[in-house]
Amino acid sequence: MVSEKDPDKQAEISLYKKIARTLREQLSDVRAWQSQPTFYLTLVCIGLAEALEDEDPGAKHERAVAVATFLDEIGHNMTDVPLLFLDMGLQMVADTRNYLHI
């Protein structure tokens, strides 16, 4: 058990509780995963960046296959995407394509 006299540990616990509340709120109430394609596209870009830096030559291919599957699956989660978010997602796809020179 953490001592009540340890302010550093109490601050850390408080921070973790705040992060957990925020995460729960974002996933349960805000639900960006249902309406913001950029949420998924950001995850894709992070994954691609990691694969491009990987020393394993097969990592890029494996990630590309995983991205295709991932993009197919997000259609099941997306509902009621506002036009603004759709436009932002399409622009992000175009920017990513240009960056990768596809």
C-alpha atoms as a PDB file:
ATOM      1  CA  MET A   1       0.000   0.000   0.000  1.00  0.00           C
ATOM      2  CA  VAL A   2       1.215   3.492  -0.860  1.00  0.00           C
ATOM      3  CA  SER A   3       1.987   5.688   2.087  1.00  0.00           C
ATOM      4  CA  GLU A   4      -0.233   8.755   2.414  1.00  0.00           C
ATOM      5  CA  LYS A   5       2.944  10.656   3.267  1.00  0.00           C
ATOM      6  CA  ASP A   6       4.506  10.076  -0.153  1.00  0.00           C
ATOM      7  CA  PRO A   7       3.318  13.054  -2.231  1.00  0.00           C
ATOM      8  CA  ASP A   8       5.090  11.867  -5.381  1.00  0.00           C
ATOM      9  CA  LYS A   9       3.248   8.552  -5.335  1.00  0.00           C
ATOM     10  CA  GLN A  10      -0.051  10.280  -4.572  1.00  0.00           C
ATOM     11  CA  ALA A  11       0.470  12.663  -7.498  1.00  0.00           C
ATOM     12  CA  GLU A  12       1.270   9.734  -9.768  1.00  0.00           C
ATOM     13  CA  ILE A  13      -1.839   7.850  -8.656  1.00  0.00           C
ATOM     14  CA  SER A  14      -3.936  10.958  -9.192  1.00  0.00           C
ATOM     15  CA  LEU A  15      -2.527  11.372 -12.694  1.00  0.00           C
ATOM     16  CA  TYR A  16      -3.260   7.736 -13.592  1.00  0.00           C
ATOM     17  CA  LYS A  17      -6.825   8.092 -12.340  1.00  0.00           C
ATOM     18  CA  LYS A  18      -7.305  11.220 -14.446  1.00  0.00           C
ATOM     19  CA  ILE A  19      -5.906   9.463 -17.526  1.00  0.00           C
ATOM     20  CA  ALA A  20      -8.223   6.484 -16.960  1.00  0.00           C
ATOM     21  CA  ARG A  21     -11.261   8.787 -16.610  1.00  0.00           C
ATOM     22  CA  THR A  22     -10.326  10.678 -19.769  1.00  0.00           C
ATOM     23  CA  LEU A  23      -9.786   7.472 -21.718  1.00  0.00           C
ATOM     24  CA  ARG A  24     -13.119   6.075 -20.548  1.00  0.00           C
ATOM     25  CA  GLU A  25     -14.842   9.344 -21.482  1.00  0.00           C
ATOM     26  CA  GLN A  26     -13.263   9.408 -24.937  1.00  0.00           C
ATOM     27  CA  LEU A  27     -14.127   5.794 -25.705  1.00  0.00           C
ATOM     28  CA  SER A  28     -17.613   5.766 -24.151  1.00  0.00           C
ATOM     29  CA  ASP A  29     -18.974   9.291 -24.519  1.00  0.00           C
ATOM     30  CA  VAL A  30     -17.077  11.137 -27.242  1.00  0.00           C
ATOM     31  CA  ARG A  31     -16.680   7.980 -29.357  1.00  0.00           C
ATOM     32  CA  ALA A  32     -14.288   9.508 -31.900  1.00  0.00           C
ATOM     33  CA  TRP A  33     -13.692   6.016 -33.220  1.00  0.00           C
ATOM     34  CA  GLN A  34     -17.210   6.107 -34.716  1.00  0.00           C
ATOM     35  CA  SER A  35     -17.103   9.470 -36.459  1.00  0.00           C
ATOM     36  CA  GLN A  36     -13.525  10.571 -37.097  1.00  0.00           C
ATOM     37  CA  PRO A  37     -11.627   8.754 -39.854  1.00  0.00           C
ATOM     38  CA  THR A  38      -8.498  10.676 -38.871  1.00  0.00           C
ATOM     39  CA  PHE A  39      -8.445   8.663 -35.633  1.00  0.00           C
ATOM     40  CA  TYR A  40      -7.799   5.481 -37.622  1.00  0.00           C
ATOM     41  CA  LEU A  41      -5.620   7.160 -40.215  1.00  0.00           C
ATOM     42  CA  THR A  42      -3.356   8.475 -37.468  1.00  0.00           C
ATOM     43  CA  LEU A  43      -2.928   4.915 -36.194  1.00  0.00           C
ATOM     44  CA  VAL A  44      -2.135   3.762 -39.732  1.00  0.00           C
ATOM     45  CA  CYS A  45       0.485   6.492 -40.183  1.00  0.00           C
ATOM     46  CA  ILE A  46       2.123   5.635 -36.874  1.00  0.00           C
ATOM     47  CA  GLY A  47       2.246   1.971 -37.889  1.00  0.00           C
ATOM     48  CA  LEU A  48       3.694   2.803 -41.282  1.00  0.00           C
ATOM     49  CA  ALA A  49       6.326   5.059 -39.745  1.00  0.00           C
ATOM     50  CA  GLU A  50       7.375   2.274 -37.377  1.00  0.00           C
ATOM     51  CA  ALA A  51       7.599  -0.213 -40.249  1.00  0.00           C
ATOM     52  CA  LEU A  52       9.661   2.155 -42.387  1.00  0.00           C
ATOM     53  CA  GLU A  53      12.189   2.473 -39.562  1.00  0.00           C
ATOM     54  CA  ASP A  54      12.338  -1.274 -38.932  1.00  0.00           C
ATOM     55  CA  GLU A  55      15.548  -2.997 -40.000  1.00  0.00           C
ATOM     56  CA  ASP A  56      13.631  -6.131 -40.998  1.00  0.00           C
ATOM     57  CA  PRO A  57      12.913  -5.873 -44.745  1.00  0.00           C
ATOM     58  CA  GLY A  58       9.768  -7.963 -44.319  1.00  0.00           C
ATOM     59  CA  ALA A  59       8.307  -5.544 -41.783  1.00  0.00           C
ATOM     60  CA  LYS A  60       7.233  -3.082 -44.458  1.00  0.00           C
ATOM     61  CA  HIS A  61       5.380  -5.753 -46.405  1.00  0.00           C
ATOM     62  CA  GLU A  62       3.775  -7.207 -43.290  1.00  0.00           C
ATOM     63  CA  ARG A  63       2.615  -3.768 -42.156  1.00  0.00           C
ATOM     64  CA  ALA A  64       1.229  -2.950 -45.606  1.00  0.00           C
ATOM     65  CA  VAL A  65      -0.853  -6.127 -45.521  1.00  0.00           C
ATOM     66  CA  ALA A  66      -1.994  -5.318 -41.986  1.00  0.00           C
ATOM     67  CA  VAL A  67      -2.938  -1.763 -43.018  1.00  0.00           C
ATOM     68  CA  ALA A  68      -5.130  -3.058 -45.831  1.00  0.00           C
ATOM     69  CA  THR A  69      -6.945  -5.376 -43.436  1.00  0.00           C
ATOM     70  CA  PHE A  70      -7.226  -2.648 -40.815  1.00  0.00           C
ATOM     71  CA  LEU A  71      -8.736  -0.203 -43.308  1.00  0.00           C
ATOM     72  CA  ASP A  72     -11.280  -2.814 -44.402  1.00  0.00           C
ATOM     73  CA  GLU A  73     -12.342  -3.321 -40.789  1.00  0.00           C
ATOM     74  CA  ILE A  74     -12.812   0.325 -39.818  1.00  0.00           C
ATOM     75  CA  GLY A  75     -15.857   0.562 -42.062  1.00  0.00           C
ATOM     76  CA  HIS A  76     -17.708  -1.502 -39.481  1.00  0.00           C
ATOM     77  CA  ASN A  77     -16.996   1.070 -36.772  1.00  0.00           C
ATOM     78  CA  MET A  78     -17.645   4.300 -38.650  1.00  0.00           C
ATOM     79  CA  THR A  79     -21.178   5.706 -38.349  1.00  0.00           C
ATOM     80  CA  ASP A  80     -22.571   9.168 -38.898  1.00  0.00           C
ATOM     81  CA  VAL A  81     -19.318  10.720 -40.121  1.00  0.00           C
ATOM     82  CA  PRO A  82     -19.820  14.482 -40.443  1.00  0.00           C
ATOM     83  CA  LEU A  83     -18.857  15.949 -43.809  1.00  0.00           C
ATOM     84  CA  LEU A  84     -16.061  17.975 -42.211  1.00  0.00           C
ATOM     85  CA  PHE A  85     -14.480  14.838 -40.709  1.00  0.00           C
ATOM     86  CA  LEU A  86     -14.894  13.004 -44.020  1.00  0.00           C
ATOM     87  CA  ASP A  87     -13.118  15.830 -45.836  1.00  0.00           C
ATOM     88  CA  MET A  88     -10.342  15.833 -43.234  1.00  0.00           C
ATOM     89  CA  GLY A  89      -9.916  12.076 -43.642  1.00  0.00           C
ATOM     90  CA  LEU A  90      -9.774  12.305 -47.421  1.00  0.00           C
ATOM     91  CA  GLN A  91      -7.192  15.093 -47.204  1.00  0.00           C
ATOM     92  CA  MET A  92      -5.134  13.018 -44.775  1.00  0.00           C
ATOM     93  CA  VAL A  93      -5.225  10.058 -47.180  1.00  0.00           C
ATOM     94  CA  ALA A  94      -4.064  12.304 -50.029  1.00  0.00           C
ATOM     95  CA  ASP A  95      -1.285  13.811 -47.894  1.00  0.00           C
ATOM     96  CA  THR A  96      -0.125  10.375 -46.758  1.00  0.00           C
ATOM     97  CA  ARG A  97      -0.175   9.069 -50.328  1.00  0.00           C
ATOM     98  CA  ASN A  98       1.904  12.045 -51.466  1.00  0.00           C
ATOM     99  CA  TYR A  99       4.340  11.538 -48.596  1.00  0.00           C
ATOM    100  CA  LEU A 100       4.797   7.864 -49.465  1.00  0.00           C
ATOM    101  CA  HIS A 101       4.872   8.621 -53.228  1.00  0.00           C
ATOM    102  CA  ILE A 102       2.323   5.899 -54.023  1.00  0.00           C
END
